[in-house]
Amino acid sequence: RKKAMADLIRDAKRTLTGQPKSQAEELEDQLCEMCPKLTYTQRITGFCACWGGGYLLAFCSTLSLMDYTEQGIRNFAALYVLGNVIALCSTGFLLGPRRQCKKMFHPTRRVACLIYLVLLVAVFVCALAKVPFGVVIVLFFMQCGAATWYAISYIPYGRQMVKNFFKETCCKSCKK
């Protein structure tokens, strides 16, 4: 409600002062107009379909690993990334695309989100471009780490807990 009120006040100031919307705000409004208004049932259905389908695709991609070839690993990486992207889009049904993007690019998780998204694209492109599969594997594990760090950013004090855990377990033996 605070957000709606702030938008209302901002729009009222614009109307009174005659100040035009910025190009970014215009683009945001145009993109949001492309997304239809959904009922609660449609939102839940869309979320479940994307989330379930995305993670099912990511899980089924492991079947590609039964083929112990470079092509099997490439297929795994590409399908896994595609499944993650579909699952990531699922929350757009619950929150709406504008609110989801604002949450994703909130200052506390902006860098983690960008690294995660860049690595998703890098793994996908490298898997399809037949880059040496060792590079694809390294990028894949980096992407998993980035996804974990990004997800932890939604848990209050989550990152601090993970840091403290590693300080107390892994790093403690290094100090001796």
C-alpha atoms as a PDB file:
ATOM      1  CA  ARG A   1       0.000   0.000   0.000  1.00  0.00           C
ATOM      2  CA  LYS A   2       2.913   2.317   0.691  1.00  0.00           C
ATOM      3  CA  LYS A   3       4.139   1.685  -2.841  1.00  0.00           C
ATOM      4  CA  ALA A   4       0.748   2.456  -4.356  1.00  0.00           C
ATOM      5  CA  MET A   5       0.494   5.634  -2.299  1.00  0.00           C
ATOM      6  CA  ALA A   6       4.010   6.732  -3.310  1.00  0.00           C
ATOM      7  CA  ASP A   7       3.172   6.103  -6.980  1.00  0.00           C
ATOM      8  CA  LEU A   8      -0.049   8.059  -6.590  1.00  0.00           C
ATOM      9  CA  ILE A   9       1.775  11.014  -5.004  1.00  0.00           C
ATOM     10  CA  ARG A  10       4.492  10.910  -7.683  1.00  0.00           C
ATOM     11  CA  ASP A  11       1.876  10.875 -10.461  1.00  0.00           C
ATOM     12  CA  ALA A  12      -0.020  13.748  -8.820  1.00  0.00           C
ATOM     13  CA  LYS A  13       3.178  15.849  -8.615  1.00  0.00           C
ATOM     14  CA  ARG A  14       3.872  15.119 -12.275  1.00  0.00           C
ATOM     15  CA  THR A  15       0.381  16.175 -13.255  1.00  0.00           C
ATOM     16  CA  LEU A  16       0.582  19.419 -11.269  1.00  0.00           C
ATOM     17  CA  THR A  17       4.090  20.364 -12.413  1.00  0.00           C
ATOM     18  CA  GLY A  18       3.733  19.082 -15.980  1.00  0.00           C
ATOM     19  CA  GLN A  19       6.910  17.030 -15.595  1.00  0.00           C
ATOM     20  CA  PRO A  20       7.017  14.139 -18.115  1.00  0.00           C
ATOM     21  CA  LYS A  21       7.815  10.537 -17.170  1.00  0.00           C
ATOM     22  CA  SER A  22      11.378   9.392 -17.618  1.00  0.00           C
ATOM     23  CA  GLN A  23      12.210   7.049 -20.471  1.00  0.00           C
ATOM     24  CA  ALA A  24      12.731   4.186 -18.009  1.00  0.00           C
ATOM     25  CA  GLU A  25       9.321   4.782 -16.422  1.00  0.00           C
ATOM     26  CA  GLU A  26       7.681   4.889 -19.849  1.00  0.00           C
ATOM     27  CA  LEU A  27       9.328   1.598 -20.804  1.00  0.00           C
ATOM     28  CA  GLU A  28       8.310   0.035 -17.491  1.00  0.00           C
ATOM     29  CA  ASP A  29       4.694   1.096 -18.029  1.00  0.00           C
ATOM     30  CA  GLN A  30       4.698  -0.259 -21.588  1.00  0.00           C
ATOM     31  CA  LEU A  31       6.097  -3.609 -20.471  1.00  0.00           C
ATOM     32  CA  CYS A  32       3.548  -3.891 -17.680  1.00  0.00           C
ATOM     33  CA  GLU A  33       0.710  -3.122 -20.080  1.00  0.00           C
ATOM     34  CA  MET A  34       1.752  -6.188 -22.111  1.00  0.00           C
ATOM     35  CA  CYS A  35       1.123  -8.403 -19.085  1.00  0.00           C
ATOM     36  CA  PRO A  36      -2.584  -9.028 -18.663  1.00  0.00           C
ATOM     37  CA  LYS A  37      -4.330  -8.661 -15.343  1.00  0.00           C
ATOM     38  CA  LEU A  38      -4.700 -12.150 -13.902  1.00  0.00           C
ATOM     39  CA  THR A  39      -7.121 -13.537 -11.372  1.00  0.00           C
ATOM     40  CA  TYR A  40      -5.794 -15.148  -8.198  1.00  0.00           C
ATOM     41  CA  THR A  41      -6.504 -18.630  -9.613  1.00  0.00           C
ATOM     42  CA  GLN A  42      -4.705 -17.803 -12.863  1.00  0.00           C
ATOM     43  CA  ARG A  43      -1.704 -16.506 -10.936  1.00  0.00           C
ATOM     44  CA  ILE A  44      -1.460 -19.643  -8.809  1.00  0.00           C
ATOM     45  CA  THR A  45      -1.921 -21.863 -11.876  1.00  0.00           C
ATOM     46  CA  GLY A  46       0.759 -19.970 -13.822  1.00  0.00           C
ATOM     47  CA  PHE A  47       3.142 -20.088 -10.879  1.00  0.00           C
ATOM     48  CA  CYS A  48       2.657 -23.828 -10.340  1.00  0.00           C
ATOM     49  CA  ALA A  49       2.976 -24.619 -14.049  1.00  0.00           C
ATOM     50  CA  CYS A  50       6.178 -22.589 -14.515  1.00  0.00           C
ATOM     51  CA  TRP A  51       7.755 -23.594 -11.225  1.00  0.00           C
ATOM     52  CA  GLY A  52       6.894 -27.264 -11.589  1.00  0.00           C
ATOM     53  CA  GLY A  53       7.724 -27.406 -15.297  1.00  0.00           C
ATOM     54  CA  GLY A  54      10.980 -25.526 -14.843  1.00  0.00           C
ATOM     55  CA  TYR A  55      12.273 -27.687 -12.044  1.00  0.00           C
ATOM     56  CA  LEU A  56      10.991 -30.847 -13.737  1.00  0.00           C
ATOM     57  CA  LEU A  57      12.996 -29.878 -16.821  1.00  0.00           C
ATOM     58  CA  ALA A  58      16.040 -29.136 -14.662  1.00  0.00           C
ATOM     59  CA  PHE A  59      15.659 -32.491 -12.890  1.00  0.00           C
ATOM     60  CA  CYS A  60      15.096 -34.409 -16.126  1.00  0.00           C
ATOM     61  CA  SER A  61      18.208 -32.798 -17.575  1.00  0.00           C
ATOM     62  CA  THR A  62      20.184 -35.114 -15.303  1.00  0.00           C
ATOM     63  CA  LEU A  63      19.109 -37.953 -17.595  1.00  0.00           C
ATOM     64  CA  SER A  64      21.469 -36.422 -20.155  1.00  0.00           C
ATOM     65  CA  LEU A  65      24.314 -37.254 -17.798  1.00  0.00           C
ATOM     66  CA  MET A  66      23.696 -40.967 -18.354  1.00  0.00           C
ATOM     67  CA  ASP A  67      25.345 -40.389 -21.709  1.00  0.00           C
ATOM     68  CA  TYR A  68      28.957 -39.995 -20.539  1.00  0.00           C
ATOM     69  CA  THR A  69      29.922 -37.869 -23.511  1.00  0.00           C
ATOM     70  CA  GLU A  70      30.672 -34.212 -23.970  1.00  0.00           C
ATOM     71  CA  GLN A  71      27.356 -33.831 -25.795  1.00  0.00           C
ATOM     72  CA  GLY A  72      25.502 -35.332 -22.825  1.00  0.00           C
ATOM     73  CA  ILE A  73      27.086 -32.773 -20.511  1.00  0.00           C
ATOM     74  CA  ARG A  74      26.232 -29.962 -22.926  1.00  0.00           C
ATOM     75  CA  ASN A  75      22.607 -31.141 -23.129  1.00  0.00           C
ATOM     76  CA  PHE A  76      22.457 -31.327 -19.339  1.00  0.00           C
ATOM     77  CA  ALA A  77      23.796 -27.776 -18.917  1.00  0.00           C
ATOM     78  CA  ALA A  78      21.488 -26.267 -21.529  1.00  0.00           C
ATOM     79  CA  LEU A  79      18.343 -28.013 -20.241  1.00  0.00           C
ATOM     80  CA  TYR A  80      19.230 -27.305 -16.613  1.00  0.00           C
ATOM     81  CA  VAL A  81      19.668 -23.593 -17.312  1.00  0.00           C
ATOM     82  CA  LEU A  82      16.454 -23.457 -19.343  1.00  0.00           C
ATOM     83  CA  GLY A  83      14.588 -25.137 -16.466  1.00  0.00           C
ATOM     84  CA  ASN A  84      16.025 -22.637 -13.987  1.00  0.00           C
ATOM     85  CA  VAL A  85      15.014 -19.678 -16.137  1.00  0.00           C
ATOM     86  CA  ILE A  86      11.455 -21.008 -16.457  1.00  0.00           C
ATOM     87  CA  ALA A  87      11.276 -21.605 -12.693  1.00  0.00           C
ATOM     88  CA  LEU A  88      12.696 -18.140 -12.012  1.00  0.00           C
ATOM     89  CA  CYS A  89       9.948 -16.624 -14.180  1.00  0.00           C
ATOM     90  CA  SER A  90       7.300 -18.436 -12.131  1.00  0.00           C
ATOM     91  CA  THR A  91       7.423 -15.875  -9.341  1.00  0.00           C
ATOM     92  CA  GLY A  92       6.448 -13.263 -11.920  1.00  0.00           C
ATOM     93  CA  PHE A  93       2.978 -14.804 -11.810  1.00  0.00           C
ATOM     94  CA  LEU A  94       2.715 -14.275  -8.061  1.00  0.00           C
ATOM     95  CA  LEU A  95       4.327 -10.864  -7.754  1.00  0.00           C
ATOM     96  CA  GLY A  96       3.934  -9.466 -11.241  1.00  0.00           C
ATOM     97  CA  PRO A  97       6.926  -8.736 -13.459  1.00  0.00           C
ATOM     98  CA  ARG A  98       7.564  -5.198 -12.180  1.00  0.00           C
ATOM     99  CA  ARG A  99       7.593  -6.167  -8.514  1.00  0.00           C
ATOM    100  CA  GLN A 100       9.676  -9.279  -9.198  1.00  0.00           C
ATOM    101  CA  CYS A 101      12.327  -7.247 -11.015  1.00  0.00           C
ATOM    102  CA  LYS A 102      12.385  -4.671  -8.228  1.00  0.00           C
ATOM    103  CA  LYS A 103      12.911  -7.434  -5.664  1.00  0.00           C
ATOM    104  CA  MET A 104      15.572  -9.121  -7.786  1.00  0.00           C
ATOM    105  CA  PHE A 105      17.501  -5.887  -8.274  1.00  0.00           C
ATOM    106  CA  HIS A 106      17.083  -4.579  -4.726  1.00  0.00           C
ATOM    107  CA  PRO A 107      20.432  -3.129  -3.585  1.00  0.00           C
ATOM    108  CA  THR A 108      21.012  -5.999  -1.135  1.00  0.00           C
ATOM    109  CA  ARG A 109      20.900  -8.626  -3.889  1.00  0.00           C
ATOM    110  CA  ARG A 110      21.591  -6.681  -7.085  1.00  0.00           C
ATOM    111  CA  VAL A 111      25.159  -7.974  -7.554  1.00  0.00           C
ATOM    112  CA  ALA A 112      24.226 -11.554  -6.679  1.00  0.00           C
ATOM    113  CA  CYS A 113      21.299 -11.436  -9.102  1.00  0.00           C
ATOM    114  CA  LEU A 114      23.391 -10.022 -11.936  1.00  0.00           C
ATOM    115  CA  ILE A 115      26.129 -12.613 -11.419  1.00  0.00           C
ATOM    116  CA  TYR A 116      23.517 -15.384 -11.334  1.00  0.00           C
ATOM    117  CA  LEU A 117      21.810 -14.173 -14.521  1.00  0.00           C
ATOM    118  CA  VAL A 118      25.101 -13.635 -16.361  1.00  0.00           C
ATOM    119  CA  LEU A 119      26.263 -17.126 -15.399  1.00  0.00           C
ATOM    120  CA  LEU A 120      22.942 -18.633 -16.528  1.00  0.00           C
ATOM    121  CA  VAL A 121      23.449 -17.052 -19.945  1.00  0.00           C
ATOM    122  CA  ALA A 122      27.151 -17.993 -20.025  1.00  0.00           C
ATOM    123  CA  VAL A 123      26.479 -21.661 -19.226  1.00  0.00           C
ATOM    124  CA  PHE A 124      23.696 -21.826 -21.809  1.00  0.00           C
ATOM    125  CA  VAL A 125      25.730 -20.145 -24.567  1.00  0.00           C
ATOM    126  CA  CYS A 126      28.882 -22.133 -23.820  1.00  0.00           C
ATOM    127  CA  ALA A 127      26.961 -25.408 -23.746  1.00  0.00           C
ATOM    128  CA  LEU A 128      25.418 -24.705 -27.150  1.00  0.00           C
ATOM    129  CA  ALA A 129      28.540 -23.139 -28.695  1.00  0.00           C
ATOM    130  CA  LYS A 130      30.583 -26.281 -28.000  1.00  0.00           C
ATOM    131  CA  VAL A 131      33.104 -24.508 -25.806  1.00  0.00           C
ATOM    132  CA  PRO A 132      35.373 -27.116 -24.132  1.00  0.00           C
ATOM    133  CA  PHE A 133      33.141 -29.014 -21.745  1.00  0.00           C
ATOM    134  CA  GLY A 134      35.500 -28.411 -18.810  1.00  0.00           C
ATOM    135  CA  VAL A 135      34.666 -24.715 -19.095  1.00  0.00           C
ATOM    136  CA  VAL A 136      30.953 -25.550 -19.176  1.00  0.00           C
ATOM    137  CA  ILE A 137      31.317 -27.638 -15.994  1.00  0.00           C
ATOM    138  CA  VAL A 138      33.232 -24.880 -14.179  1.00  0.00           C
ATOM    139  CA  LEU A 139      30.680 -22.264 -15.233  1.00  0.00           C
ATOM    140  CA  PHE A 140      27.855 -24.594 -14.187  1.00  0.00           C
ATOM    141  CA  PHE A 141      29.246 -24.978 -10.660  1.00  0.00           C
ATOM    142  CA  MET A 142      29.837 -21.226 -10.447  1.00  0.00           C
ATOM    143  CA  GLN A 143      26.204 -20.705 -11.506  1.00  0.00           C
ATOM    144  CA  CYS A 144      25.017 -23.096  -8.785  1.00  0.00           C
ATOM    145  CA  GLY A 145      26.994 -21.138  -6.212  1.00  0.00           C
ATOM    146  CA  ALA A 146      25.618 -17.834  -7.518  1.00  0.00           C
ATOM    147  CA  ALA A 147      22.075 -19.225  -7.431  1.00  0.00           C
ATOM    148  CA  THR A 148      22.552 -20.322  -3.834  1.00  0.00           C
ATOM    149  CA  TRP A 149      23.994 -16.949  -2.783  1.00  0.00           C
ATOM    150  CA  TYR A 150      21.143 -15.162  -4.572  1.00  0.00           C
ATOM    151  CA  ALA A 151      18.495 -17.370  -2.932  1.00  0.00           C
ATOM    152  CA  ILE A 152      20.055 -16.911   0.504  1.00  0.00           C
ATOM    153  CA  SER A 153      19.695 -13.137   0.071  1.00  0.00           C
ATOM    154  CA  TYR A 154      15.922 -13.542   0.557  1.00  0.00           C
ATOM    155  CA  ILE A 155      16.433 -15.067   4.021  1.00  0.00           C
ATOM    156  CA  PRO A 156      16.918 -12.445   6.734  1.00  0.00           C
ATOM    157  CA  TYR A 157      20.552 -12.676   7.898  1.00  0.00           C
ATOM    158  CA  GLY A 158      20.963 -15.710   5.607  1.00  0.00           C
ATOM    159  CA  ARG A 159      24.249 -14.596   4.115  1.00  0.00           C
ATOM    160  CA  GLN A 160      25.661 -13.747   7.524  1.00  0.00           C
ATOM    161  CA  MET A 161      24.696 -17.196   8.825  1.00  0.00           C
ATOM    162  CA  VAL A 162      26.457 -18.895   5.904  1.00  0.00           C
ATOM    163  CA  LYS A 163      29.566 -16.753   6.370  1.00  0.00           C
ATOM    164  CA  ASN A 164      29.653 -17.527  10.098  1.00  0.00           C
ATOM    165  CA  PHE A 165      29.164 -21.237   9.409  1.00  0.00           C
ATOM    166  CA  PHE A 166      32.169 -21.349   7.091  1.00  0.00           C
ATOM    167  CA  LYS A 167      34.265 -19.232   9.463  1.00  0.00           C
ATOM    168  CA  GLU A 168      33.519 -21.626  12.316  1.00  0.00           C
ATOM    169  CA  THR A 169      33.966 -24.863  10.351  1.00  0.00           C
ATOM    170  CA  CYS A 170      36.275 -24.542   7.364  1.00  0.00           C
ATOM    171  CA  CYS A 171      38.348 -21.509   8.264  1.00  0.00           C
ATOM    172  CA  LYS A 172      38.929 -22.425  11.915  1.00  0.00           C
ATOM    173  CA  SER A 173      41.323 -25.221  10.985  1.00  0.00           C
ATOM    174  CA  CYS A 174      43.265 -22.853   8.676  1.00  0.00           C
ATOM    175  CA  LYS A 175      44.082 -20.501  11.569  1.00  0.00           C
ATOM    176  CA  LYS A 176      45.898 -23.175  13.585  1.00  0.00           C
END
